[in-house]
C-alpha atoms as a PDB file:
ATOM      1  CA  MET A   1      32.610  46.127 -25.182  1.00  0.00           C
ATOM      2  CA  THR A   2      32.851  48.993 -27.648  1.00  0.00           C
ATOM      3  CA  GLY A   3      30.796  52.141 -27.367  1.00  0.00           C
ATOM      4  CA  ARG A   4      28.837  51.109 -30.453  1.00  0.00           C
ATOM      5  CA  GLU A   5      28.060  47.707 -28.944  1.00  0.00           C
ATOM      6  CA  TRP A   6      26.937  49.333 -25.704  1.00  0.00           C
ATOM      7  CA  LEU A   7      24.677  51.779 -27.552  1.00  0.00           C
ATOM      8  CA  ASP A   8      23.139  48.962 -29.587  1.00  0.00           C
ATOM      9  CA  GLN A   9      22.450  46.919 -26.439  1.00  0.00           C
ATOM     10  CA  PHE A  10      21.104  49.898 -24.523  1.00  0.00           C
ATOM     11  CA  ALA A  11      18.805  50.844 -27.402  1.00  0.00           C
ATOM     12  CA  ALA A  12      17.443  47.291 -27.468  1.00  0.00           C
ATOM     13  CA  ALA A  13      16.985  47.324 -23.677  1.00  0.00           C
ATOM     14  CA  ILE A  14      14.880  50.498 -23.804  1.00  0.00           C
ATOM     15  CA  GLY A  15      12.971  49.469 -26.917  1.00  0.00           C
ATOM     16  CA  ALA A  16      14.470  52.106 -29.180  1.00  0.00           C
ATOM     17  CA  GLU A  17      16.184  51.966 -32.543  1.00  0.00           C
ATOM     18  CA  ALA A  18      19.950  52.294 -32.245  1.00  0.00           C
ATOM     19  CA  PRO A  19      21.309  55.486 -33.842  1.00  0.00           C
ATOM     20  CA  SER A  20      23.169  55.313 -37.125  1.00  0.00           C
ATOM     21  CA  ASP A  21      26.874  56.090 -37.219  1.00  0.00           C
ATOM     22  CA  ALA A  22      26.021  59.465 -38.801  1.00  0.00           C
ATOM     23  CA  THR A  23      23.597  60.282 -35.980  1.00  0.00           C
ATOM     24  CA  VAL A  24      26.163  59.313 -33.359  1.00  0.00           C
ATOM     25  CA  ASP A  25      28.684  61.615 -35.056  1.00  0.00           C
ATOM     26  CA  GLU A  26      26.199  64.514 -35.141  1.00  0.00           C
ATOM     27  CA  LEU A  27      25.264  64.020 -31.484  1.00  0.00           C
ATOM     28  CA  LEU A  28      28.922  63.954 -30.465  1.00  0.00           C
ATOM     29  CA  LYS A  29      29.488  67.195 -32.371  1.00  0.00           C
ATOM     30  CA  LEU A  30      26.398  68.703 -30.715  1.00  0.00           C
ATOM     31  CA  ALA A  31      27.727  67.670 -27.315  1.00  0.00           C
ATOM     32  CA  GLY A  32      31.030  69.350 -28.134  1.00  0.00           C
ATOM     33  CA  VAL A  33      29.322  72.579 -29.177  1.00  0.00           C
ATOM     34  CA  ALA A  34      27.201  72.601 -26.026  1.00  0.00           C
ATOM     35  CA  ALA A  35      30.140  71.868 -23.739  1.00  0.00           C
ATOM     36  CA  HIS A  36      32.406  74.487 -25.274  1.00  0.00           C
ATOM     37  CA  ALA A  37      29.717  77.179 -25.468  1.00  0.00           C
ATOM     38  CA  SER A  38      28.820  76.881 -21.775  1.00  0.00           C
ATOM     39  CA  GLU A  39      29.551  74.257 -19.147  1.00  0.00           C
ATOM     40  CA  ARG A  40      30.289  70.580 -19.716  1.00  0.00           C
ATOM     41  CA  ILE A  41      26.985  69.586 -18.149  1.00  0.00           C
ATOM     42  CA  ALA A  42      25.213  71.099 -21.165  1.00  0.00           C
ATOM     43  CA  ALA A  43      26.515  68.318 -23.440  1.00  0.00           C
ATOM     44  CA  PRO A  44      24.450  65.328 -22.253  1.00  0.00           C
ATOM     45  CA  ILE A  45      21.415  67.459 -21.467  1.00  0.00           C
ATOM     46  CA  ALA A  46      21.460  69.000 -24.967  1.00  0.00           C
ATOM     47  CA  CYS A  47      21.419  65.512 -26.453  1.00  0.00           C
ATOM     48  CA  TRP A  48      18.578  64.521 -24.125  1.00  0.00           C
ATOM     49  CA  LEU A  49      16.625  67.592 -25.237  1.00  0.00           C
ATOM     50  CA  VAL A  50      17.076  66.610 -28.884  1.00  0.00           C
ATOM     51  CA  GLY A  51      15.489  63.259 -28.134  1.00  0.00           C
ATOM     52  CA  ARG A  52      12.662  64.803 -26.128  1.00  0.00           C
ATOM     53  CA  ALA A  53      11.910  67.273 -28.917  1.00  0.00           C
ATOM     54  CA  GLY A  54      12.107  64.579 -31.578  1.00  0.00           C
ATOM     55  CA  LEU A  55      14.610  66.632 -33.567  1.00  0.00           C
ATOM     56  CA  ASP A  56      16.963  65.283 -36.190  1.00  0.00           C
ATOM     57  CA  ALA A  57      20.481  65.340 -34.738  1.00  0.00           C
ATOM     58  CA  GLY A  58      21.842  67.231 -37.753  1.00  0.00           C
ATOM     59  CA  GLU A  59      19.205  69.942 -37.443  1.00  0.00           C
ATOM     60  CA  ALA A  60      19.863  70.243 -33.724  1.00  0.00           C
ATOM     61  CA  LEU A  61      23.597  70.573 -34.407  1.00  0.00           C
ATOM     62  CA  ARG A  62      22.916  73.327 -36.941  1.00  0.00           C
ATOM     63  CA  LEU A  63      20.761  75.222 -34.409  1.00  0.00           C
ATOM     64  CA  ALA A  64      23.399  74.856 -31.684  1.00  0.00           C
ATOM     65  CA  GLU A  65      26.132  76.100 -34.001  1.00  0.00           C
ATOM     66  CA  GLU A  66      23.991  79.115 -34.931  1.00  0.00           C
ATOM     67  CA  MET A  67      23.593  79.932 -31.243  1.00  0.00           C
ATOM     68  CA  THR A  68      27.347  80.038 -30.738  1.00  0.00           C
ATOM     69  CA  VAL A  69      27.793  82.531 -33.586  1.00  0.00           C
ATOM     70  CA  SER A  70      25.343  85.000 -32.091  1.00  0.00           C
END
């Protein structure tokens, strides 16, 4: 099973819309920023926080990148 297939099935199982390819790409970039700016554990939790806050993944990525410049 591919990662995309797993995400689609998991989204259906939890009653959520599966993310677009662009959203997946932005979340992976966000995870990379979080992991490289601190500890690896920040990556999945940052993505979880995006979902909890209802933020657009691209906007969250922009905010995370701004934090690393400071």
